Amino acid sequence: MQWMKKFLVGVVIGLLLGLWFGVNIGKNRPFYANPFEEVTEIAKEKGKEVVQEGKEVVQEGKKALRDKLDEDIKQQQ
Protein backbone atom coordinates (compact mmCIF):
# COMPACT_ATOMS: atom_id res chain seq x y z
CA MET A 1 0.00 0.00 0.00
CA GLN A 2 2.95 2.32 0.68
CA TRP A 3 4.22 1.94 -2.90
CA MET A 4 0.78 2.93 -4.26
CA LYS A 5 0.77 6.15 -2.24
CA LYS A 6 4.24 7.06 -3.52
CA PHE A 7 3.17 6.18 -7.05
CA LEU A 8 0.08 8.41 -6.90
CA VAL A 9 2.05 11.32 -5.42
CA GLY A 10 4.62 10.90 -8.21
CA VAL A 11 1.91 10.89 -10.86
CA VAL A 12 0.27 14.03 -9.45
CA ILE A 13 3.61 15.86 -9.25
CA GLY A 14 4.49 14.71 -12.77
CA LEU A 15 1.17 15.95 -14.14
CA LEU A 16 1.57 19.34 -12.46
CA LEU A 17 5.11 19.80 -13.77
CA GLY A 18 4.05 18.63 -17.22
CA LEU A 19 1.19 21.12 -17.23
CA TRP A 20 3.54 23.93 -16.12
CA PHE A 21 6.10 23.16 -18.84
CA GLY A 22 3.44 22.47 -21.47
CA VAL A 23 1.72 25.82 -20.98
CA ASN A 24 5.03 27.66 -21.29
CA ILE A 25 6.09 25.72 -24.38
CA GLY A 26 2.68 26.37 -25.93
CA LYS A 27 3.14 30.12 -25.39
CA ASN A 28 6.66 30.07 -26.89
CA ARG A 29 8.32 30.92 -23.59
CA PRO A 30 11.12 29.20 -21.69
CA PHE A 31 9.73 26.07 -20.04
CA TYR A 32 10.79 27.26 -16.57
CA ALA A 33 8.98 30.66 -16.83
CA ASN A 34 5.97 31.57 -14.73
CA PRO A 35 2.87 30.52 -16.73
CA PHE A 36 0.74 32.99 -14.76
CA GLU A 37 2.80 36.02 -15.84
CA GLU A 38 0.72 38.64 -17.60
CA VAL A 39 0.79 38.51 -21.35
CA THR A 40 1.27 42.28 -21.65
CA GLU A 41 4.82 42.08 -20.28
CA ILE A 42 5.68 39.34 -22.74
CA ALA A 43 4.12 41.31 -25.59
CA LYS A 44 6.16 44.38 -24.64
CA GLU A 45 9.39 42.38 -24.68
CA LYS A 46 8.53 40.79 -28.01
CA GLY A 47 7.59 44.18 -29.45
CA LYS A 48 10.92 45.66 -28.40
CA GLU A 49 12.74 42.78 -30.10
CA VAL A 50 10.76 43.25 -33.31
CA VAL A 51 11.41 47.01 -33.34
CA GLN A 52 15.13 46.45 -32.81
CA GLU A 53 15.24 43.94 -35.68
CA GLY A 54 13.34 46.41 -37.86
CA LYS A 55 15.85 49.16 -37.07
CA GLU A 56 18.72 46.89 -38.06
CA VAL A 57 17.05 45.98 -41.36
CA VAL A 58 16.40 49.63 -42.18
CA GLN A 59 20.00 50.57 -41.38
CA GLU A 60 21.32 47.77 -43.61
CA GLY A 61 18.98 48.88 -46.40
CA LYS A 62 20.11 52.50 -46.07
CA LYS A 63 23.75 51.46 -46.29
CA ALA A 64 23.15 49.30 -49.35
CA LEU A 65 21.18 52.08 -51.06
CA ARG A 66 23.85 54.65 -50.25
CA ASP A 67 26.57 52.36 -51.67
CA LYS A 68 24.54 51.73 -54.83
CA LEU A 69 23.90 55.46 -55.36
CA ASP A 70 27.59 56.24 -54.85
CA GLU A 71 28.50 53.64 -57.49
CA ASP A 72 25.93 55.03 -59.94
CA ILE A 73 27.18 58.59 -59.43
CA LYS A 74 30.77 57.51 -60.04
CA GLN A 75 29.77 55.67 -63.23
CA GLN A 76 27.93 58.71 -64.62
CA GLN A 77 30.90 61.04 -64.10
PDB file of N, CA and C in Angstrom:
ATOM      1  N   MET A   1       0.814  -1.181   0.000  1.00  0.00           N
ATOM      2  CA  MET A   1       0.000   0.000   0.000  1.00  0.00           C
ATOM      3  C   MET A   1       0.870   1.262   0.000  1.00  0.00           C
ATOM      4  N   GLN A   2       2.036   1.177   0.624  1.00  0.00           N
ATOM      5  CA  GLN A   2       2.948   2.321   0.677  1.00  0.00           C
ATOM      6  C   GLN A   2       3.443   2.684  -0.721  1.00  0.00           C
ATOM      7  N   TRP A   3       3.729   1.682  -1.541  1.00  0.00           N
ATOM      8  CA  TRP A   3       4.217   1.944  -2.903  1.00  0.00           C
ATOM      9  C   TRP A   3       3.155   2.641  -3.750  1.00  0.00           C
ATOM     10  N   MET A   4       1.862   2.308  -3.492  1.00  0.00           N
ATOM     11  CA  MET A   4       0.783   2.926  -4.260  1.00  0.00           C
ATOM     12  C   MET A   4       0.647   4.410  -3.911  1.00  0.00           C
ATOM     13  N   LYS A   5       0.838   4.756  -2.657  1.00  0.00           N
ATOM     14  CA  LYS A   5       0.767   6.149  -2.235  1.00  0.00           C
ATOM     15  C   LYS A   5       1.892   6.943  -2.895  1.00  0.00           C
ATOM     16  N   LYS A   6       3.117   6.399  -2.883  1.00  0.00           N
ATOM     17  CA  LYS A   6       4.244   7.058  -3.523  1.00  0.00           C
ATOM     18  C   LYS A   6       4.010   7.188  -5.029  1.00  0.00           C
ATOM     19  N   PHE A   7       3.451   6.163  -5.627  1.00  0.00           N
ATOM     20  CA  PHE A   7       3.174   6.182  -7.054  1.00  0.00           C
ATOM     21  C   PHE A   7       2.168   7.282  -7.397  1.00  0.00           C
ATOM     22  N   LEU A   8       1.099   7.392  -6.651  1.00  0.00           N
ATOM     23  CA  LEU A   8       0.081   8.408  -6.905  1.00  0.00           C
ATOM     24  C   LEU A   8       0.625   9.826  -6.683  1.00  0.00           C
ATOM     25  N   VAL A   9       1.427  10.009  -5.657  1.00  0.00           N
ATOM     26  CA  VAL A   9       2.046  11.320  -5.418  1.00  0.00           C
ATOM     27  C   VAL A   9       2.974  11.658  -6.580  1.00  0.00           C
ATOM     28  N   GLY A  10       3.726  10.692  -7.057  1.00  0.00           N
ATOM     29  CA  GLY A  10       4.616  10.900  -8.206  1.00  0.00           C
ATOM     30  C   GLY A  10       3.848  11.259  -9.469  1.00  0.00           C
ATOM     31  N   VAL A  11       2.729  10.593  -9.691  1.00  0.00           N
ATOM     32  CA  VAL A  11       1.907  10.885 -10.864  1.00  0.00           C
ATOM     33  C   VAL A  11       1.343  12.304 -10.776  1.00  0.00           C
ATOM     34  N   VAL A  12       0.839  12.692  -9.617  1.00  0.00           N
ATOM     35  CA  VAL A  12       0.272  14.028  -9.447  1.00  0.00           C
ATOM     36  C   VAL A  12       1.352  15.093  -9.663  1.00  0.00           C
ATOM     37  N   ILE A  13       2.516  14.901  -9.065  1.00  0.00           N
ATOM     38  CA  ILE A  13       3.610  15.860  -9.245  1.00  0.00           C
ATOM     39  C   ILE A  13       4.040  15.910 -10.704  1.00  0.00           C
ATOM     40  N   GLY A  14       4.128  14.764 -11.347  1.00  0.00           N
ATOM     41  CA  GLY A  14       4.490  14.712 -12.767  1.00  0.00           C
ATOM     42  C   GLY A  14       3.478  15.435 -13.646  1.00  0.00           C
ATOM     43  N   LEU A  15       2.207  15.259 -13.369  1.00  0.00           N
ATOM     44  CA  LEU A  15       1.170  15.952 -14.136  1.00  0.00           C
ATOM     45  C   LEU A  15       1.250  17.463 -13.950  1.00  0.00           C
ATOM     46  N   LEU A  16       1.477  17.900 -12.719  1.00  0.00           N
ATOM     47  CA  LEU A  16       1.568  19.341 -12.458  1.00  0.00           C
ATOM     48  C   LEU A  16       2.780  19.954 -13.161  1.00  0.00           C
ATOM     49  N   LEU A  17       3.923  19.286 -13.080  1.00  0.00           N
ATOM     50  CA  LEU A  17       5.109  19.797 -13.770  1.00  0.00           C
ATOM     51  C   LEU A  17       4.920  19.769 -15.286  1.00  0.00           C
ATOM     52  N   GLY A  18       4.310  18.720 -15.788  1.00  0.00           N
ATOM     53  CA  GLY A  18       4.051  18.632 -17.223  1.00  0.00           C
ATOM     54  C   GLY A  18       3.110  19.727 -17.698  1.00  0.00           C
ATOM     55  N   LEU A  19       2.122  20.042 -16.896  1.00  0.00           N
ATOM     56  CA  LEU A  19       1.195  21.125 -17.233  1.00  0.00           C
ATOM     57  C   LEU A  19       1.928  22.459 -17.238  1.00  0.00           C
ATOM     58  N   TRP A  20       2.763  22.696 -16.221  1.00  0.00           N
ATOM     59  CA  TRP A  20       3.542  23.933 -16.116  1.00  0.00           C
ATOM     60  C   TRP A  20       4.419  24.108 -17.361  1.00  0.00           C
ATOM     61  N   PHE A  21       5.203  23.079 -17.687  1.00  0.00           N
ATOM     62  CA  PHE A  21       6.104  23.161 -18.835  1.00  0.00           C
ATOM     63  C   PHE A  21       5.323  23.233 -20.141  1.00  0.00           C
ATOM     64  N   GLY A  22       4.237  22.496 -20.241  1.00  0.00           N
ATOM     65  CA  GLY A  22       3.443  22.473 -21.465  1.00  0.00           C
ATOM     66  C   GLY A  22       2.811  23.816 -21.776  1.00  0.00           C
ATOM     67  N   VAL A  23       2.320  24.498 -20.767  1.00  0.00           N
ATOM     68  CA  VAL A  23       1.721  25.822 -20.977  1.00  0.00           C
ATOM     69  C   VAL A  23       2.787  26.788 -21.476  1.00  0.00           C
ATOM     70  N   ASN A  24       3.959  26.761 -20.877  1.00  0.00           N
ATOM     71  CA  ASN A  24       5.034  27.661 -21.289  1.00  0.00           C
ATOM     72  C   ASN A  24       5.512  27.342 -22.699  1.00  0.00           C
ATOM     73  N   ILE A  25       5.664  26.095 -23.033  1.00  0.00           N
ATOM     74  CA  ILE A  25       6.087  25.721 -24.376  1.00  0.00           C
ATOM     75  C   ILE A  25       5.022  26.126 -25.392  1.00  0.00           C
ATOM     76  N   GLY A  26       3.767  25.977 -25.038  1.00  0.00           N
ATOM     77  CA  GLY A  26       2.683  26.374 -25.930  1.00  0.00           C
ATOM     78  C   GLY A  26       2.631  27.866 -26.179  1.00  0.00           C
ATOM     79  N   LYS A  27       3.124  28.658 -25.244  1.00  0.00           N
ATOM     80  CA  LYS A  27       3.139  30.115 -25.386  1.00  0.00           C
ATOM     81  C   LYS A  27       4.487  30.624 -25.903  1.00  0.00           C
ATOM     82  N   ASN A  28       5.337  29.725 -26.368  1.00  0.00           N
ATOM     83  CA  ASN A  28       6.664  30.067 -26.894  1.00  0.00           C
ATOM     84  C   ASN A  28       7.506  30.825 -25.872  1.00  0.00           C
ATOM     85  N   ARG A  29       7.502  30.344 -24.661  1.00  0.00           N
ATOM     86  CA  ARG A  29       8.317  30.921 -23.594  1.00  0.00           C
ATOM     87  C   ARG A  29       9.236  29.839 -23.069  1.00  0.00           C
ATOM     88  N   PRO A  30      10.276  30.230 -22.309  1.00  0.00           N
ATOM     89  CA  PRO A  30      11.121  29.204 -21.693  1.00  0.00           C
ATOM     90  C   PRO A  30      10.279  28.303 -20.790  1.00  0.00           C
ATOM     91  N   PHE A  31      10.575  27.023 -20.759  1.00  0.00           N
ATOM     92  CA  PHE A  31       9.733  26.072 -20.039  1.00  0.00           C
ATOM     93  C   PHE A  31       9.707  26.327 -18.537  1.00  0.00           C
ATOM     94  N   TYR A  32      10.717  27.009 -18.008  1.00  0.00           N
ATOM     95  CA  TYR A  32      10.790  27.262 -16.570  1.00  0.00           C
ATOM     96  C   TYR A  32      10.141  28.588 -16.162  1.00  0.00           C
ATOM     97  N   ALA A  33       9.588  29.354 -17.124  1.00  0.00           N
ATOM     98  CA  ALA A  33       8.984  30.659 -16.827  1.00  0.00           C
ATOM     99  C   ALA A  33       7.677  30.487 -16.050  1.00  0.00           C
ATOM    100  N   ASN A  34       7.222  31.575 -15.479  1.00  0.00           N
ATOM    101  CA  ASN A  34       5.974  31.568 -14.733  1.00  0.00           C
ATOM    102  C   ASN A  34       4.798  31.585 -15.719  1.00  0.00           C
ATOM    103  N   PRO A  35       3.980  30.543 -15.763  1.00  0.00           N
ATOM    104  CA  PRO A  35       2.875  30.519 -16.730  1.00  0.00           C
ATOM    105  C   PRO A  35       1.754  31.498 -16.374  1.00  0.00           C
ATOM    106  N   PHE A  36       1.776  32.062 -15.176  1.00  0.00           N
ATOM    107  CA  PHE A  36       0.739  32.994 -14.759  1.00  0.00           C
ATOM    108  C   PHE A  36       1.146  34.450 -14.985  1.00  0.00           C
ATOM    109  N   GLU A  37       2.332  34.668 -15.555  1.00  0.00           N
ATOM    110  CA  GLU A  37       2.799  36.020 -15.839  1.00  0.00           C
ATOM    111  C   GLU A  37       1.869  36.663 -16.860  1.00  0.00           C
ATOM    112  N   GLU A  38       1.635  37.955 -16.699  1.00  0.00           N
ATOM    113  CA  GLU A  38       0.719  38.641 -17.596  1.00  0.00           C
ATOM    114  C   GLU A  38       1.277  38.686 -19.009  1.00  0.00           C
ATOM    115  N   VAL A  39       0.399  38.553 -19.959  1.00  0.00           N
ATOM    116  CA  VAL A  39       0.787  38.514 -21.353  1.00  0.00           C
ATOM    117  C   VAL A  39       1.299  39.872 -21.820  1.00  0.00           C
ATOM    118  N   THR A  40       0.862  40.954 -21.209  1.00  0.00           N
ATOM    119  CA  THR A  40       1.275  42.284 -21.651  1.00  0.00           C
ATOM    120  C   THR A  40       2.780  42.469 -21.519  1.00  0.00           C
ATOM    121  N   GLU A  41       3.371  41.954 -20.457  1.00  0.00           N
ATOM    122  CA  GLU A  41       4.822  42.076 -20.279  1.00  0.00           C
ATOM    123  C   GLU A  41       5.550  41.310 -21.377  1.00  0.00           C
ATOM    124  N   ILE A  42       5.051  40.147 -21.696  1.00  0.00           N
ATOM    125  CA  ILE A  42       5.676  39.343 -22.743  1.00  0.00           C
ATOM    126  C   ILE A  42       5.517  40.032 -24.085  1.00  0.00           C
ATOM    127  N   ALA A  43       4.358  40.616 -24.333  1.00  0.00           N
ATOM    128  CA  ALA A  43       4.123  41.313 -25.588  1.00  0.00           C
ATOM    129  C   ALA A  43       5.034  42.528 -25.709  1.00  0.00           C
ATOM    130  N   LYS A  44       5.259  43.230 -24.616  1.00  0.00           N
ATOM    131  CA  LYS A  44       6.156  44.384 -24.638  1.00  0.00           C
ATOM    132  C   LYS A  44       7.573  43.949 -25.007  1.00  0.00           C
ATOM    133  N   GLU A  45       8.043  42.869 -24.389  1.00  0.00           N
ATOM    134  CA  GLU A  45       9.388  42.381 -24.679  1.00  0.00           C
ATOM    135  C   GLU A  45       9.509  41.957 -26.140  1.00  0.00           C
ATOM    136  N   LYS A  46       8.517  41.244 -26.618  1.00  0.00           N
ATOM    137  CA  LYS A  46       8.533  40.786 -28.009  1.00  0.00           C
ATOM    138  C   LYS A  46       8.473  41.979 -28.959  1.00  0.00           C
ATOM    139  N   GLY A  47       7.679  42.986 -28.623  1.00  0.00           N
ATOM    140  CA  GLY A  47       7.589  44.181 -29.447  1.00  0.00           C
ATOM    141  C   GLY A  47       8.913  44.917 -29.527  1.00  0.00           C
ATOM    142  N   LYS A  48       9.614  45.011 -28.406  1.00  0.00           N
ATOM    143  CA  LYS A  48      10.922  45.658 -28.403  1.00  0.00           C
ATOM    144  C   LYS A  48      11.906  44.911 -29.300  1.00  0.00           C
ATOM    145  N   GLU A  49      11.861  43.578 -29.244  1.00  0.00           N
ATOM    146  CA  GLU A  49      12.743  42.775 -30.102  1.00  0.00           C
ATOM    147  C   GLU A  49      12.433  43.019 -31.571  1.00  0.00           C
ATOM    148  N   VAL A  50      11.156  43.052 -31.919  1.00  0.00           N
ATOM    149  CA  VAL A  50      10.759  43.251 -33.306  1.00  0.00           C
ATOM    150  C   VAL A  50      11.178  44.634 -33.791  1.00  0.00           C
ATOM    151  N   VAL A  51      11.010  45.659 -32.956  1.00  0.00           N
ATOM    152  CA  VAL A  51      11.406  47.014 -33.337  1.00  0.00           C
ATOM    153  C   VAL A  51      12.917  47.082 -33.544  1.00  0.00           C
ATOM    154  N   GLN A  52      13.669  46.447 -32.671  1.00  0.00           N
ATOM    155  CA  GLN A  52      15.132  46.448 -32.809  1.00  0.00           C
ATOM    156  C   GLN A  52      15.551  45.765 -34.110  1.00  0.00           C
ATOM    157  N   GLU A  53      14.932  44.633 -34.426  1.00  0.00           N
ATOM    158  CA  GLU A  53      15.243  43.941 -35.678  1.00  0.00           C
ATOM    159  C   GLU A  53      14.875  44.807 -36.878  1.00  0.00           C
ATOM    160  N   GLY A  54      13.761  45.518 -36.784  1.00  0.00           N
ATOM    161  CA  GLY A  54      13.344  46.410 -37.861  1.00  0.00           C
ATOM    162  C   GLY A  54      14.342  47.543 -38.066  1.00  0.00           C
ATOM    163  N   LYS A  55      14.843  48.102 -36.974  1.00  0.00           N
ATOM    164  CA  LYS A  55      15.846  49.163 -37.070  1.00  0.00           C
ATOM    165  C   LYS A  55      17.098  48.656 -37.782  1.00  0.00           C
ATOM    166  N   GLU A  56      17.527  47.453 -37.433  1.00  0.00           N
ATOM    167  CA  GLU A  56      18.718  46.886 -38.062  1.00  0.00           C
ATOM    168  C   GLU A  56      18.506  46.682 -39.558  1.00  0.00           C
ATOM    169  N   VAL A  57      17.344  46.201 -39.942  1.00  0.00           N
ATOM    170  CA  VAL A  57      17.054  45.975 -41.356  1.00  0.00           C
ATOM    171  C   VAL A  57      17.044  47.299 -42.114  1.00  0.00           C
ATOM    172  N   VAL A  58      16.442  48.323 -41.530  1.00  0.00           N
ATOM    173  CA  VAL A  58      16.396  49.634 -42.179  1.00  0.00           C
ATOM    174  C   VAL A  58      17.806  50.196 -42.330  1.00  0.00           C
ATOM    175  N   GLN A  59      18.641  50.064 -41.305  1.00  0.00           N
ATOM    176  CA  GLN A  59      20.004  50.571 -41.385  1.00  0.00           C
ATOM    177  C   GLN A  59      20.802  49.844 -42.468  1.00  0.00           C
ATOM    178  N   GLU A  60      20.638  48.535 -42.572  1.00  0.00           N
ATOM    179  CA  GLU A  60      21.325  47.774 -43.615  1.00  0.00           C
ATOM    180  C   GLU A  60      20.841  48.204 -44.996  1.00  0.00           C
ATOM    181  N   GLY A  61      19.545  48.442 -45.128  1.00  0.00           N
ATOM    182  CA  GLY A  61      18.982  48.883 -46.399  1.00  0.00           C
ATOM    183  C   GLY A  61      19.490  50.266 -46.789  1.00  0.00           C
ATOM    184  N   LYS A  62      19.584  51.161 -45.802  1.00  0.00           N
ATOM    185  CA  LYS A  62      20.106  52.498 -46.073  1.00  0.00           C
ATOM    186  C   LYS A  62      21.551  52.433 -46.555  1.00  0.00           C
ATOM    187  N   LYS A  63      22.340  51.593 -45.907  1.00  0.00           N
ATOM    188  CA  LYS A  63      23.748  51.461 -46.288  1.00  0.00           C
ATOM    189  C   LYS A  63      23.869  50.900 -47.698  1.00  0.00           C
ATOM    190  N   ALA A  64      23.099  49.890 -48.020  1.00  0.00           N
ATOM    191  CA  ALA A  64      23.150  49.299 -49.354  1.00  0.00           C
ATOM    192  C   ALA A  64      22.698  50.309 -50.405  1.00  0.00           C
ATOM    193  N   LEU A  65      21.663  51.067 -50.121  1.00  0.00           N
ATOM    194  CA  LEU A  65      21.176  52.077 -51.057  1.00  0.00           C
ATOM    195  C   LEU A  65      22.210  53.181 -51.250  1.00  0.00           C
ATOM    196  N   ARG A  66      22.819  53.613 -50.181  1.00  0.00           N
ATOM    197  CA  ARG A  66      23.846  54.651 -50.252  1.00  0.00           C
ATOM    198  C   ARG A  66      25.026  54.161 -51.103  1.00  0.00           C
ATOM    199  N   ASP A  67      25.467  52.922 -50.880  1.00  0.00           N
ATOM    200  CA  ASP A  67      26.571  52.365 -51.671  1.00  0.00           C
ATOM    201  C   ASP A  67      26.205  52.288 -53.145  1.00  0.00           C
ATOM    202  N   LYS A  68      25.005  51.853 -53.433  1.00  0.00           N
ATOM    203  CA  LYS A  68      24.545  51.730 -54.825  1.00  0.00           C
ATOM    204  C   LYS A  68      24.480  53.098 -55.491  1.00  0.00           C
ATOM    205  N   LEU A  69      23.983  54.114 -54.788  1.00  0.00           N
ATOM    206  CA  LEU A  69      23.899  55.456 -55.357  1.00  0.00           C
ATOM    207  C   LEU A  69      25.292  56.028 -55.596  1.00  0.00           C
ATOM    208  N   ASP A  70      26.207  55.782 -54.666  1.00  0.00           N
ATOM    209  CA  ASP A  70      27.586  56.244 -54.855  1.00  0.00           C
ATOM    210  C   ASP A  70      28.213  55.619 -56.102  1.00  0.00           C
ATOM    211  N   GLU A  71      27.980  54.333 -56.313  1.00  0.00           N
ATOM    212  CA  GLU A  71      28.504  53.641 -57.495  1.00  0.00           C
ATOM    213  C   GLU A  71      27.896  54.239 -58.776  1.00  0.00           C
ATOM    214  N   ASP A  72      26.598  54.478 -58.766  1.00  0.00           N
ATOM    215  CA  ASP A  72      25.928  55.033 -59.940  1.00  0.00           C
ATOM    216  C   ASP A  72      26.434  56.435 -60.271  1.00  0.00           C
ATOM    217  N   ILE A  73      26.664  57.238 -59.226  1.00  0.00           N
ATOM    218  CA  ILE A  73      27.180  58.592 -59.430  1.00  0.00           C
ATOM    219  C   ILE A  73      28.580  58.542 -60.022  1.00  0.00           C
ATOM    220  N   LYS A  74      29.406  57.640 -59.522  1.00  0.00           N
ATOM    221  CA  LYS A  74      30.775  57.509 -60.042  1.00  0.00           C
ATOM    222  C   LYS A  74      30.775  57.050 -61.496  1.00  0.00           C
ATOM    223  N   GLN A  75      29.849  56.178 -61.848  1.00  0.00           N
ATOM    224  CA  GLN A  75      29.770  55.668 -63.230  1.00  0.00           C
ATOM    225  C   GLN A  75      29.313  56.757 -64.184  1.00  0.00           C
ATOM    226  N   GLN A  76      28.468  57.651 -63.757  1.00  0.00           N
ATOM    227  CA  GLN A  76      27.933  58.708 -64.620  1.00  0.00           C
ATOM    228  C   GLN A  76      28.960  59.804 -64.832  1.00  0.00           C
ATOM    229  N   GLN A  77      29.904  59.967 -63.953  1.00  0.00           N
ATOM    230  CA  GLN A  77      30.897  61.036 -64.103  1.00  0.00           C
ATOM    231  C   GLN A  77      31.952  60.601 -64.985  1.00  0.00           C
TER     232      GLN A  77
END
